[in-house]
Amino acid sequence: MLREYHRNRRDLFGHTCSALEVEGREFKPIPGGDYRLTVRFESLDEKEKIYGMGQYQQPHLNLKGTDLELAHRNSQASVPFSLSSLGYGLLWNNPGVGRAVFGKNITTFEAYATKEMDYWITAADTPSKIVEQYAEATGKVPMMPDYAMGFWQCKLRYQTQEELLEVAREYKRRGLPISVIVVDFFHWPKQGEWKFDPVYWPDPDGMIRELKEMGIELMVSIWPTVDKTSENYEEMLEKGYLIRTDRGMRVGMDFQGDTIHIDVTNPEARSYLWGKAKQNYYDKGVRLFWLDEAEPEYTVYDFDNYRYYLGPDLQIGNLYPKMYAQTFFDGQISEGMKNPINLLRCAWAGSQKYGALVWSGDIASSFESLRNQMAAGLNMGLAGIPWWTTDIGGFHGGDPKDPKFQELLIRWFEYGAFCPVMRLHGDREPRQPQFGTTGGATCCSGAENEVWSFGGEAYEICKKYLDLREKMRPYIKKLMEEAHEKGSPVMRPLFYDFSEDKTAWEIEDQFMFGPDVLVAPIVYEGQRERKVYLPAGAMWRDENSDQVHEGGRWISVQAPLDQIPYFKRMKMELNKD
């Protein structure tokens, strides 16, 4: 199945006898302390397939032959659990920056600075059992609250309280389903002042009350960055609550100010941050937090320059998003809240038990980017992160009046209806005029990003899939129960439920939404039909045409702009009618 790779002459009669003198484990001392670690494995089957490892902006579901950086970046999350088609899973249990290479002959894991070697292996007959055993070891998500299974409305950014409320009211006037609306970044006076700016948000208590009366939860953006001119900087500096730098100025990010991040590996810093959030948000009724910049994001990713309470970034830095999630989860639980869920841009092994919903970061608005998210979401699920989502339509750019972008938005919206969380977000063009002159006003808003912003045809199609999402809520709740109880991914590759079907292991552009719904997204511009593989061992009903097909074969299906091909496994009702 799997064994460490070594080639030496210690056993002259063994099959590994070789003059190469390559060891399976290699510790090389780093001047000043610590070690560079390399561990090598050999696969015993040239047809082996590898999945999981978190989220990378590339289109390959099968990671065999890929070279992956074991580090977090904006839109990249290293969650180093790999699932093999040979029946094992391996967790590289080292949170240091490094590298994983899944070569045809050798699989190599590297940690650039570490004190120890730690990896964990589990084995089982099916992919589902492997993932479940991994979840038993690293933790499972809480039960997702009912409201989170609906539609989330967001944009970069609502600049005022009244602007946000008017959008929420319009959704209600139109009779459109909406569960969550978002106050994005720079609603605060300065970074590191975790509170509403009273100039633009004069009555947050009243705003939250009105939203709750409409049945809408408010999500509020939290950044871990602290501006040097903010009211909390000096206190946090004096108490050791900020990340340090080994050289140069203590600046980690220079977006809208010279900032450094709070060090959430320090338990006292975590308590401090939650205390501010509790006072200024939670006590006002906010229960849902958008923990942005969770990698953390640096203007320059000089991992060797940053030092945390627990050690150098190179050695422990990948723990940051997990401990960022823990900061709020522990605080919410201490206040008696049940089943917290918070949105983060990054994760590590075990983040899921702290209620982490991960989204795929600041990605391009393009069909190529949409294709990348297919692999990202499925591999995140196999790496133990069942709650995952994207910015519907992509983040960077996209003009709501551009017919090409409208087509992309529609296809992404259709796909988003079958993601664990359905969330519309983006920084649309053209950008809006600056509103105000103080606080975060210099961070201007993007163009409109509501379902009625993209033209009449798009609006009608979006309404169709908002309604479908609502009708699927009972089914989605069952999927969330399974994720909570077993650690099962909500969206997963075909082979997860049909591991005996060899063709299912080859499919990378379809997925299962739970065990009973097969989804075949349209991810190319101008595409109006596609081939779909239906796994063996089941009958499948085309939910667009009501035609029933036997599994174990390919079919061709039509895909007009208002249809995403999806099929129901013939054993349960999807509550479509």
Protein backbone atom coordinates (compact mmCIF):
# COMPACT_ATOMS: atom_id res chain seq x y z
CA MET A 1 0.00 0.00 0.00
CA LEU A 2 2.54 2.62 1.18
CA ARG A 3 6.03 2.46 2.58
CA GLU A 4 8.85 4.85 3.23
CA TYR A 5 11.32 5.11 0.39
CA HIS A 6 14.96 4.27 1.11
CA ARG A 7 17.79 2.91 -1.00
CA ASN A 8 20.88 1.80 0.92
CA ARG A 9 23.12 -1.19 1.49
CA ARG A 10 22.14 -2.07 5.03
CA ASP A 11 20.48 -5.26 3.82
CA LEU A 12 22.54 -6.71 1.00
CA PHE A 13 19.86 -9.28 0.26
CA GLY A 14 16.85 -6.96 0.36
CA HIS A 15 15.11 -5.50 -2.69
CA THR A 16 16.04 -1.99 -1.55
CA CYS A 17 19.77 -2.70 -1.59
CA SER A 18 21.32 0.17 -3.54
CA ALA A 19 24.41 2.33 -3.78
CA LEU A 20 22.22 5.46 -3.95
CA GLU A 21 22.32 5.87 -0.16
CA VAL A 22 18.99 7.73 0.03
CA GLU A 23 17.15 7.58 3.35
CA GLY A 24 13.43 7.64 3.92
CA ARG A 25 13.80 10.29 6.61
CA GLU A 26 16.27 13.12 6.46
CA PHE A 27 16.91 15.71 9.16
CA LYS A 28 19.33 18.47 8.21
CA PRO A 29 20.34 20.92 10.97
CA ILE A 30 19.64 24.61 10.38
CA PRO A 31 22.28 26.96 11.83
CA GLY A 32 20.89 28.38 15.04
CA GLY A 33 18.59 25.46 15.75
CA ASP A 34 15.79 23.32 14.32
CA TYR A 35 15.96 21.01 11.33
CA ARG A 36 14.87 20.76 7.72
CA LEU A 37 12.87 17.56 7.39
CA THR A 38 12.31 15.39 4.32
CA VAL A 39 10.24 12.20 4.37
CA ARG A 40 9.97 10.01 1.28
CA PHE A 41 7.40 7.36 0.42
CA GLU A 42 7.05 5.09 -2.55
CA SER A 43 3.76 4.10 -4.08
CA LEU A 44 3.46 0.44 -4.99
CA ASP A 45 0.96 1.04 -7.80
CA GLU A 46 1.73 3.24 -10.79
CA LYS A 47 -2.01 3.87 -11.25
CA GLU A 48 -2.44 5.33 -7.75
CA LYS A 49 -4.59 8.45 -7.46
CA ILE A 50 -4.22 11.06 -4.70
CA TYR A 51 -6.90 13.50 -3.48
CA GLY A 52 -7.40 16.03 -0.69
CA MET A 53 -4.58 18.28 0.62
CA GLY A 54 -6.80 21.34 0.88
CA GLN A 55 -7.39 24.11 -1.61
CA TYR A 56 -5.11 25.04 -4.48
CA GLN A 57 -5.92 27.23 -7.46
CA GLN A 58 -5.48 24.59 -10.14
CA PRO A 59 -7.97 22.35 -11.98
CA HIS A 60 -6.67 18.88 -11.00
CA LEU A 61 -8.80 16.77 -8.70
CA ASN A 62 -6.31 13.90 -8.85
CA LEU A 63 -3.12 15.32 -7.35
CA LYS A 64 -0.77 12.58 -8.54
CA GLY A 65 2.02 14.34 -10.39
CA THR A 66 1.50 17.71 -8.69
CA ASP A 67 3.89 19.83 -6.65
CA LEU A 68 2.15 21.62 -3.76
CA GLU A 69 3.38 24.35 -1.47
CA LEU A 70 2.54 23.55 2.16
CA ALA A 71 1.73 27.13 3.06
CA HIS A 72 -1.28 29.41 3.21
CA ARG A 73 -1.90 32.27 0.84
CA ASN A 74 -4.94 34.28 -0.19
CA SER A 75 -7.06 31.60 -2.02
CA GLN A 76 -4.69 28.75 -1.00
CA ALA A 77 -5.26 26.59 2.08
CA SER A 78 -2.84 23.81 2.97
CA VAL A 79 -4.76 21.05 4.76
CA PRO A 80 -2.25 18.22 4.36
CA PHE A 81 -4.43 15.12 4.48
CA SER A 82 -4.21 12.99 1.35
CA LEU A 83 -6.59 10.21 0.37
CA SER A 84 -5.26 7.45 -1.88
CA SER A 85 -7.12 5.20 -4.29
CA LEU A 86 -5.08 2.36 -2.73
CA GLY A 87 -7.16 2.57 0.44
CA TYR A 88 -5.22 4.76 2.86
CA GLY A 89 -5.17 8.32 4.10
CA LEU A 90 -2.09 10.20 5.31
CA LEU A 91 -2.00 13.34 7.46
CA TRP A 92 1.27 15.24 7.31
CA ASN A 93 0.87 16.50 10.86
CA ASN A 94 3.37 19.33 10.65
CA PRO A 95 2.10 22.95 10.55
CA GLY A 96 5.36 24.34 9.19
CA VAL A 97 5.86 25.79 5.73
CA GLY A 98 7.10 23.18 3.30
CA ARG A 99 6.37 21.22 0.16
CA ALA A 100 4.61 18.05 -0.98
CA VAL A 101 5.46 16.37 -4.29
CA PHE A 102 3.31 13.44 -5.42
CA GLY A 103 5.70 12.05 -8.00
CA LYS A 104 5.15 8.98 -10.12
CA ASN A 105 7.98 7.18 -8.36
CA ILE A 106 8.29 8.91 -4.98
CA THR A 107 6.01 10.99 -2.76
CA THR A 108 7.99 13.56 -0.77
CA PHE A 109 6.95 15.75 2.17
CA GLU A 110 9.23 18.55 3.35
CA ALA A 111 9.18 20.91 6.33
CA TYR A 112 11.63 23.78 5.99
CA ALA A 113 12.00 24.22 9.77
CA THR A 114 10.83 21.82 12.44
CA LYS A 115 11.72 20.08 15.66
CA GLU A 116 10.03 16.75 15.03
CA MET A 117 8.58 14.37 12.46
CA ASP A 118 4.88 13.55 12.78
CA TYR A 119 2.61 11.85 10.27
CA TRP A 120 -0.51 9.73 10.74
CA ILE A 121 -1.92 6.98 8.52
CA THR A 122 -5.35 5.37 8.41
CA ALA A 123 -6.66 2.66 6.10
CA ALA A 124 -10.06 1.32 5.08
CA ASP A 125 -11.88 -0.37 2.22
CA THR A 126 -13.75 2.73 1.04
CA PRO A 127 -12.99 6.45 0.70
CA SER A 128 -15.92 7.31 2.94
CA LYS A 129 -14.59 5.17 5.75
CA ILE A 130 -11.12 6.72 5.43
CA VAL A 131 -12.56 10.23 5.69
CA GLU A 132 -14.75 9.23 8.63
CA GLN A 133 -11.74 7.79 10.49
CA TYR A 134 -9.79 10.98 9.81
CA ALA A 135 -12.71 13.02 11.18
CA GLU A 136 -12.70 10.90 14.33
CA ALA A 137 -9.05 11.87 14.85
CA THR A 138 -9.21 15.59 13.97
CA GLY A 139 -12.77 16.57 14.82
CA LYS A 140 -16.12 17.15 13.15
CA VAL A 141 -18.10 20.25 12.27
CA PRO A 142 -20.92 21.35 14.57
CA MET A 143 -24.44 20.99 13.26
CA MET A 144 -24.97 23.80 10.76
CA PRO A 145 -27.72 26.17 11.91
CA ASP A 146 -30.83 26.15 9.71
CA TYR A 147 -30.42 29.74 8.52
CA ALA A 148 -26.95 29.07 7.12
CA MET A 149 -28.34 26.57 4.61
CA GLY A 150 -30.12 29.33 2.70
CA PHE A 151 -28.85 32.17 0.50
CA TRP A 152 -26.14 34.65 1.62
CA GLN A 153 -26.02 38.13 0.05
CA CYS A 154 -22.73 39.99 0.02
CA LYS A 155 -20.67 42.49 -1.96
CA LEU A 156 -17.53 44.59 -1.61
CA ARG A 157 -18.84 46.62 0.13
CA TYR A 158 -21.98 48.18 1.57
CA GLN A 159 -20.71 51.59 2.67
CA THR A 160 -23.53 52.63 4.98
CA GLN A 161 -26.15 51.19 7.26
CA GLU A 162 -28.97 52.52 5.13
CA GLU A 163 -27.51 51.05 1.92
CA LEU A 164 -27.36 47.59 3.46
CA LEU A 165 -30.84 47.82 4.94
CA GLU A 166 -32.31 48.96 1.64
CA VAL A 167 -30.83 45.89 -0.10
CA ALA A 168 -32.33 43.60 2.54
CA ARG A 169 -35.71 45.34 2.22
CA GLU A 170 -35.60 44.96 -1.58
CA TYR A 171 -35.05 41.22 -1.26
CA LYS A 172 -38.13 41.07 0.94
CA ARG A 173 -40.19 43.32 -1.36
CA ARG A 174 -39.41 41.00 -4.27
CA GLY A 175 -40.19 37.88 -2.24
CA LEU A 176 -36.70 36.49 -2.75
CA PRO A 177 -35.21 34.02 -0.27
CA ILE A 178 -32.35 35.47 1.79
CA SER A 179 -30.87 34.15 5.02
CA VAL A 180 -27.71 36.21 5.58
CA ILE A 181 -26.49 39.69 4.60
CA VAL A 182 -22.96 40.92 5.17
CA VAL A 183 -21.22 44.01 6.49
CA ASP A 184 -17.87 43.73 4.75
CA PHE A 185 -14.51 45.24 5.71
CA PHE A 186 -13.69 48.86 6.52
CA HIS A 187 -16.94 49.45 8.35
CA TRP A 188 -14.62 50.25 11.27
CA PRO A 189 -12.80 53.55 11.93
CA LYS A 190 -9.36 51.90 11.55
CA GLN A 191 -8.00 48.38 11.24
CA GLY A 192 -7.60 46.96 14.72
CA GLU A 193 -10.61 48.88 16.02
CA TRP A 194 -13.17 46.11 15.96
CA LYS A 195 -16.36 48.16 16.04
CA PHE A 196 -18.86 49.95 13.80
CA ASP A 197 -17.84 53.42 12.62
CA PRO A 198 -20.66 55.62 13.98
CA VAL A 199 -20.38 58.01 11.02
CA TYR A 200 -21.65 55.40 8.56
CA TRP A 201 -23.30 52.92 10.93
CA PRO A 202 -25.06 55.17 13.46
CA ASP A 203 -27.51 52.63 14.89
CA PRO A 204 -26.20 49.06 14.59
CA ASP A 205 -28.58 47.87 17.31
CA GLY A 206 -31.56 49.12 15.30
CA MET A 207 -30.12 47.67 12.08
CA ILE A 208 -29.65 44.24 13.63
CA ARG A 209 -33.14 44.36 15.15
CA GLU A 210 -34.76 45.22 11.79
CA LEU A 211 -32.83 42.46 10.01
CA LYS A 212 -33.88 39.89 12.59
CA GLU A 213 -37.50 40.99 12.16
CA MET A 214 -37.06 40.20 8.44
CA GLY A 215 -35.57 36.79 9.30
CA ILE A 216 -32.07 37.77 8.14
CA GLU A 217 -28.86 37.14 10.06
CA LEU A 218 -26.10 39.74 9.91
CA MET A 219 -22.54 38.65 9.26
CA VAL A 220 -19.79 41.13 10.18
CA SER A 221 -16.25 41.19 8.79
CA ILE A 222 -13.32 40.89 11.19
CA TRP A 223 -9.73 41.44 10.07
CA PRO A 224 -6.75 40.45 12.22
CA THR A 225 -4.74 43.45 11.02
CA VAL A 226 -3.92 46.27 13.43
CA ASP A 227 -3.08 49.75 12.12
CA LYS A 228 -0.18 51.46 13.89
CA THR A 229 -2.35 54.54 14.41
CA SER A 230 -5.34 52.62 15.82
CA GLU A 231 -6.57 53.04 19.36
CA ASN A 232 -5.53 49.51 20.38
CA TYR A 233 -2.07 49.30 18.80
CA GLU A 234 0.09 50.50 21.67
CA GLU A 235 -1.65 48.33 24.24
CA MET A 236 -1.38 45.26 22.01
CA LEU A 237 2.27 46.00 21.26
CA GLU A 238 3.11 46.38 24.94
CA LYS A 239 1.34 43.12 25.89
CA GLY A 240 2.96 41.07 23.12
CA TYR A 241 -0.26 40.42 21.21
CA LEU A 242 1.15 41.22 17.75
CA ILE A 243 3.12 39.11 15.30
CA ARG A 244 6.81 40.03 15.28
CA THR A 245 9.25 40.40 12.41
CA ASP A 246 12.85 39.23 12.48
CA ARG A 247 14.01 42.04 10.21
CA GLY A 248 12.77 45.36 8.93
CA MET A 249 9.78 47.26 10.25
CA ARG A 250 6.95 45.47 12.03
CA VAL A 251 4.58 45.71 9.07
CA GLY A 252 2.91 42.65 7.62
CA MET A 253 0.42 44.29 5.29
CA ASP A 254 0.26 47.79 3.85
CA PHE A 255 -3.31 47.78 2.47
CA GLN A 256 -5.10 50.95 3.59
CA GLY A 257 -2.44 51.57 6.24
CA ASP A 258 0.69 50.12 7.86
CA THR A 259 -0.58 47.12 9.77
CA ILE A 260 0.60 44.02 11.59
CA HIS A 261 -1.58 41.05 12.51
CA ILE A 262 -2.74 40.01 15.92
CA ASP A 263 -0.94 36.85 17.07
CA VAL A 264 -3.78 34.38 17.65
CA THR A 265 -1.31 31.65 18.66
CA ASN A 266 -1.09 33.61 21.93
CA PRO A 267 -4.05 32.63 24.16
CA GLU A 268 -4.11 36.05 25.81
CA ALA A 269 -4.31 37.74 22.41
CA ARG A 270 -7.21 35.46 21.48
CA SER A 271 -9.04 36.50 24.66
CA TYR A 272 -8.34 40.17 23.91
CA LEU A 273 -9.72 39.94 20.37
CA TRP A 274 -12.84 38.09 21.44
CA GLY A 275 -13.39 40.63 24.20
CA LYS A 276 -13.49 43.45 21.66
CA ALA A 277 -15.74 41.48 19.30
CA LYS A 278 -18.08 40.53 22.11
CA GLN A 279 -18.42 44.10 23.35
CA ASN A 280 -18.91 45.71 19.95
CA TYR A 281 -20.70 43.01 17.96
CA TYR A 282 -21.87 39.96 19.88
CA ASP A 283 -23.57 41.92 22.65
CA LYS A 284 -25.49 43.80 19.96
CA GLY A 285 -26.86 40.57 18.48
CA VAL A 286 -24.25 39.62 15.86
CA ARG A 287 -23.81 35.85 15.85
CA LEU A 288 -22.00 35.31 12.55
CA PHE A 289 -18.46 36.50 11.87
CA TRP A 290 -16.50 36.73 8.65
CA LEU A 291 -12.94 36.04 9.79
CA ASP A 292 -11.15 37.41 6.77
CA GLU A 293 -7.40 37.50 6.14
CA ALA A 294 -7.18 34.18 7.96
CA GLU A 295 -3.93 32.93 6.38
CA PRO A 296 -2.84 35.57 7.46
CA GLU A 297 -2.31 37.47 4.21
CA TYR A 298 0.99 39.31 3.94
CA THR A 299 1.85 41.97 1.39
CA VAL A 300 5.01 39.92 0.81
CA TYR A 301 4.93 36.24 1.82
CA ASP A 302 8.36 36.21 3.46
CA PHE A 303 7.49 33.32 5.74
CA ASP A 304 10.96 33.30 7.24
CA ASN A 305 10.51 36.86 8.55
CA TYR A 306 7.54 36.38 10.87
CA ARG A 307 7.57 35.06 14.39
CA TYR A 308 4.62 33.99 16.53
CA TYR A 309 4.05 33.29 20.20
CA LEU A 310 4.34 29.55 19.44
CA GLY A 311 7.43 29.89 17.26
CA PRO A 312 8.68 30.98 13.83
CA ASP A 313 6.22 31.17 10.94
CA LEU A 314 8.32 28.63 9.03
CA GLN A 315 7.79 26.16 11.86
CA ILE A 316 4.17 26.64 13.00
CA GLY A 317 2.60 29.26 10.73
CA ASN A 318 -0.01 26.99 9.15
CA LEU A 319 -1.77 26.79 12.52
CA TYR A 320 -2.87 30.44 12.28
CA PRO A 321 -6.28 30.01 10.57
CA LYS A 322 -7.20 27.14 12.89
CA MET A 323 -6.45 29.24 15.97
CA TYR A 324 -8.20 32.26 14.45
CA ALA A 325 -11.34 30.13 14.11
CA GLN A 326 -10.85 28.83 17.64
CA THR A 327 -10.73 32.41 18.97
CA PHE A 328 -14.34 33.07 18.01
CA PHE A 329 -15.66 29.54 18.46
CA ASP A 330 -14.46 29.39 22.07
CA GLY A 331 -15.85 32.86 22.74
CA GLN A 332 -19.25 32.04 21.24
CA ILE A 333 -19.47 28.76 23.14
CA SER A 334 -18.52 30.53 26.40
CA GLU A 335 -21.53 32.81 25.86
CA GLY A 336 -23.83 29.83 25.56
CA MET A 337 -24.15 29.86 21.79
CA LYS A 338 -24.85 26.50 20.16
CA ASN A 339 -23.39 25.40 16.82
CA PRO A 340 -21.32 28.47 15.82
CA ILE A 341 -20.42 28.92 12.18
CA ASN A 342 -17.92 31.53 10.97
CA LEU A 343 -16.58 32.26 7.50
CA LEU A 344 -12.80 32.02 6.97
CA ARG A 345 -10.52 32.26 3.96
CA CYS A 346 -8.19 29.51 5.14
CA ALA A 347 -7.97 26.39 7.29
CA TRP A 348 -5.70 23.68 8.61
CA ALA A 349 -6.34 20.15 9.80
CA GLY A 350 -8.94 20.33 12.56
CA SER A 351 -10.33 23.78 11.66
CA GLN A 352 -13.68 22.14 11.02
CA LYS A 353 -14.31 21.42 14.72
CA TYR A 354 -14.18 25.16 15.38
CA GLY A 355 -17.12 25.85 13.05
CA ALA A 356 -14.99 26.98 10.10
CA LEU A 357 -16.80 27.59 6.83
CA VAL A 358 -14.02 28.11 4.30
CA TRP A 359 -14.37 30.04 1.09
CA SER A 360 -11.91 29.98 -1.78
CA GLY A 361 -10.59 33.51 -1.49
CA ASP A 362 -10.06 36.38 -3.90
CA ILE A 363 -10.35 34.52 -7.18
CA ALA A 364 -10.75 35.76 -10.73
CA SER A 365 -14.10 36.24 -12.41
CA SER A 366 -13.53 33.80 -15.27
CA PHE A 367 -14.57 30.37 -16.47
CA GLU A 368 -11.04 29.14 -15.86
CA SER A 369 -11.35 30.21 -12.25
CA LEU A 370 -14.73 28.47 -11.97
CA ARG A 371 -13.12 25.24 -13.16
CA ASN A 372 -10.42 25.59 -10.51
CA GLN A 373 -13.06 25.89 -7.78
CA MET A 374 -14.49 22.51 -8.74
CA ALA A 375 -11.24 20.79 -7.73
CA ALA A 376 -10.70 23.11 -4.75
CA GLY A 377 -14.07 22.40 -3.15
CA LEU A 378 -13.94 18.64 -3.65
CA ASN A 379 -10.40 18.31 -2.35
CA MET A 380 -11.22 20.48 0.68
CA GLY A 381 -14.08 18.11 1.53
CA LEU A 382 -11.79 15.09 1.27
CA ALA A 383 -9.26 16.92 3.49
CA GLY A 384 -11.84 17.06 6.28
CA ILE A 385 -13.42 20.50 5.65
CA PRO A 386 -17.09 19.79 4.77
CA TRP A 387 -18.23 23.44 4.94
CA TRP A 388 -16.94 25.21 1.84
CA THR A 389 -18.08 27.89 -0.59
CA THR A 390 -16.94 30.36 -3.26
CA ASP A 391 -17.65 33.93 -4.28
CA ILE A 392 -20.40 33.31 -6.83
CA GLY A 393 -19.24 35.05 -9.99
CA GLY A 394 -15.65 35.24 -8.75
CA PHE A 395 -14.16 38.09 -6.76
CA HIS A 396 -11.95 40.21 -9.02
CA GLY A 397 -13.85 42.26 -11.55
CA GLY A 398 -16.87 41.45 -13.64
CA ASP A 399 -19.13 44.15 -15.01
CA PRO A 400 -22.80 43.40 -14.21
CA LYS A 401 -23.80 44.96 -17.56
CA ASP A 402 -21.36 42.84 -19.62
CA PRO A 403 -23.19 39.92 -21.36
CA LYS A 404 -20.10 37.72 -21.03
CA PHE A 405 -19.95 38.27 -17.30
CA GLN A 406 -23.70 37.73 -17.03
CA GLU A 407 -23.26 34.28 -18.58
CA LEU A 408 -20.45 33.49 -16.14
CA LEU A 409 -22.52 34.73 -13.20
CA ILE A 410 -25.46 32.55 -14.23
CA ARG A 411 -23.37 29.40 -14.56
CA TRP A 412 -21.63 30.09 -11.25
CA PHE A 413 -24.96 30.80 -9.56
CA GLU A 414 -26.31 27.45 -10.79
CA TYR A 415 -23.22 25.72 -9.42
CA GLY A 416 -23.48 27.67 -6.16
CA ALA A 417 -26.95 26.29 -5.50
CA PHE A 418 -25.29 22.91 -4.95
CA CYS A 419 -22.41 24.09 -2.77
CA PRO A 420 -22.55 23.59 1.01
CA VAL A 421 -23.20 27.33 1.37
CA MET A 422 -24.67 29.49 -1.42
CA ARG A 423 -23.06 32.94 -1.22
CA LEU A 424 -23.01 35.80 -3.72
CA HIS A 425 -19.96 38.06 -3.36
CA GLY A 426 -17.53 40.04 -5.51
CA ASP A 427 -15.76 43.30 -6.21
CA ARG A 428 -17.60 44.37 -9.35
CA GLU A 429 -16.70 47.01 -11.90
CA PRO A 430 -16.95 49.91 -12.30
CA ARG A 431 -16.14 50.93 -8.76
CA GLN A 432 -18.48 53.37 -7.04
CA PRO A 433 -17.63 56.95 -6.02
CA GLN A 434 -16.12 57.38 -2.59
CA PHE A 435 -18.73 58.00 0.08
CA GLY A 436 -17.39 60.09 2.95
CA THR A 437 -13.89 61.16 3.84
CA THR A 438 -13.18 59.58 7.23
CA GLY A 439 -12.59 56.08 8.56
CA GLY A 440 -12.74 53.38 5.92
CA ALA A 441 -14.27 55.63 3.26
CA THR A 442 -11.17 55.45 1.05
CA CYS A 443 -11.90 51.76 0.46
CA CYS A 444 -14.49 52.35 -2.23
CA SER A 445 -17.36 50.04 -3.07
CA GLY A 446 -17.62 47.90 -6.16
CA ALA A 447 -20.62 47.98 -8.48
CA GLU A 448 -23.98 46.48 -7.54
CA ASN A 449 -23.93 42.76 -6.82
CA GLU A 450 -27.48 41.72 -6.05
CA VAL A 451 -29.43 39.13 -8.07
CA TRP A 452 -31.31 41.91 -9.90
CA SER A 453 -28.04 43.63 -10.92
CA PHE A 454 -27.19 41.46 -13.94
CA GLY A 455 -30.09 41.99 -16.35
CA GLY A 456 -33.58 40.53 -16.72
CA GLU A 457 -32.59 37.11 -18.02
CA ALA A 458 -30.04 36.55 -15.29
CA TYR A 459 -32.53 37.71 -12.68
CA GLU A 460 -35.14 35.15 -13.70
CA ILE A 461 -32.56 32.35 -13.71
CA CYS A 462 -31.20 33.39 -10.31
CA LYS A 463 -34.75 33.36 -8.90
CA LYS A 464 -35.17 29.83 -10.24
CA TYR A 465 -32.11 28.57 -8.35
CA LEU A 466 -32.89 30.52 -5.20
CA ASP A 467 -36.22 28.70 -5.17
CA LEU A 468 -34.53 25.36 -5.85
CA ARG A 469 -32.13 25.94 -2.95
CA GLU A 470 -35.09 26.60 -0.66
CA LYS A 471 -36.88 23.45 -1.82
CA MET A 472 -33.75 21.41 -1.15
CA ARG A 473 -33.43 22.66 2.45
CA PRO A 474 -34.79 19.40 4.03
CA TYR A 475 -32.29 17.38 2.00
CA ILE A 476 -29.46 19.81 2.78
CA LYS A 477 -30.24 19.49 6.49
CA LYS A 478 -29.73 15.72 6.23
CA LEU A 479 -26.36 16.31 4.56
CA MET A 480 -25.33 18.67 7.36
CA GLU A 481 -26.37 16.09 9.95
CA GLU A 482 -24.15 13.54 8.21
CA ALA A 483 -21.24 16.00 8.14
CA HIS A 484 -21.72 16.65 11.86
CA GLU A 485 -22.05 13.00 12.85
CA LYS A 486 -19.54 11.37 10.49
CA GLY A 487 -17.36 14.14 9.04
CA SER A 488 -18.71 13.42 5.54
CA PRO A 489 -18.11 16.06 2.85
CA VAL A 490 -21.31 17.69 1.65
CA MET A 491 -20.04 17.86 -1.94
CA ARG A 492 -17.78 15.00 -2.97
CA PRO A 493 -16.34 13.22 -6.01
CA LEU A 494 -18.36 10.45 -7.64
CA PHE A 495 -16.02 7.76 -6.29
CA TYR A 496 -16.88 8.69 -2.69
CA ASP A 497 -20.28 6.99 -3.00
CA PHE A 498 -19.44 4.69 -5.92
CA SER A 499 -15.97 3.41 -5.13
CA GLU A 500 -16.54 0.11 -6.98
CA ASP A 501 -17.15 1.96 -10.25
CA LYS A 502 -13.71 2.40 -11.88
CA THR A 503 -14.96 5.15 -14.20
CA ALA A 504 -16.17 7.18 -11.22
CA TRP A 505 -12.51 7.59 -10.15
CA GLU A 506 -11.74 9.28 -13.48
CA ILE A 507 -14.45 11.97 -13.35
CA GLU A 508 -13.22 15.42 -12.32
CA ASP A 509 -15.92 17.75 -13.68
CA GLN A 510 -18.96 16.29 -11.89
CA PHE A 511 -19.71 15.79 -8.23
CA MET A 512 -22.20 14.36 -5.78
CA PHE A 513 -24.17 16.76 -3.60
CA GLY A 514 -24.64 14.28 -0.81
CA PRO A 515 -25.29 10.64 -1.71
CA ASP A 516 -28.33 11.21 -3.90
CA VAL A 517 -27.84 14.20 -6.19
CA LEU A 518 -25.34 14.20 -9.05
CA VAL A 519 -24.35 17.60 -10.44
CA ALA A 520 -22.61 18.26 -13.77
CA PRO A 521 -21.84 22.01 -13.90
CA ILE A 522 -21.34 23.98 -17.08
CA VAL A 523 -17.90 25.52 -16.77
CA TYR A 524 -17.09 26.70 -20.32
CA GLU A 525 -18.28 29.86 -22.04
CA GLY A 526 -20.93 29.24 -24.67
CA GLN A 527 -21.42 25.60 -23.72
CA ARG A 528 -25.02 24.42 -24.15
CA GLU A 529 -24.67 20.66 -23.87
CA ARG A 530 -22.29 18.21 -22.26
CA LYS A 531 -21.60 14.55 -21.60
CA VAL A 532 -22.44 13.19 -18.18
CA TYR A 533 -21.35 9.94 -16.60
CA LEU A 534 -23.93 8.22 -14.42
CA PRO A 535 -22.33 5.82 -11.91
CA ALA A 536 -23.21 2.15 -11.97
CA GLY A 537 -25.42 0.61 -9.33
CA ALA A 538 -28.29 3.12 -9.50
CA MET A 539 -31.03 4.52 -11.69
CA TRP A 540 -30.84 8.25 -12.31
CA ARG A 541 -33.59 10.76 -13.06
CA ASP A 542 -32.71 13.88 -15.03
CA GLU A 543 -34.26 16.63 -12.94
CA ASN A 544 -34.58 18.93 -15.96
CA SER A 545 -36.31 16.48 -18.32
CA ASP A 546 -37.65 13.80 -15.91
CA GLN A 547 -36.04 11.13 -18.08
CA VAL A 548 -34.74 8.10 -16.20
CA HIS A 549 -31.38 6.54 -17.10
CA GLU A 550 -29.62 3.40 -16.00
CA GLY A 551 -26.24 3.96 -14.38
CA GLY A 552 -22.88 2.75 -15.60
CA ARG A 553 -22.91 4.74 -18.86
CA TRP A 554 -22.35 8.11 -20.49
CA ILE A 555 -25.19 10.24 -21.81
CA SER A 556 -25.41 13.57 -23.63
CA VAL A 557 -27.63 16.23 -22.09
CA GLN A 558 -28.79 19.64 -23.19
CA ALA A 559 -27.77 22.58 -21.03
CA PRO A 560 -29.49 25.81 -22.08
CA LEU A 561 -28.44 28.86 -20.12
CA ASP A 562 -31.12 28.38 -17.47
CA GLN A 563 -30.26 24.73 -16.77
CA ILE A 564 -27.47 23.01 -14.89
CA PRO A 565 -27.53 19.25 -15.51
CA TYR A 566 -28.34 17.44 -12.29
CA PHE A 567 -29.75 14.02 -11.52
CA LYS A 568 -31.47 12.36 -8.62
CA ARG A 569 -30.53 8.88 -7.48
CA MET A 570 -33.76 6.94 -7.61
CA LYS A 571 -34.36 6.12 -3.99
CA MET A 572 -35.60 9.31 -2.39
CA GLU A 573 -37.53 12.47 -3.18
CA LEU A 574 -35.68 15.76 -3.50
CA ASN A 575 -38.74 17.84 -2.60
CA LYS A 576 -38.59 19.34 -6.09
CA ASP A 577 -42.35 19.70 -6.52
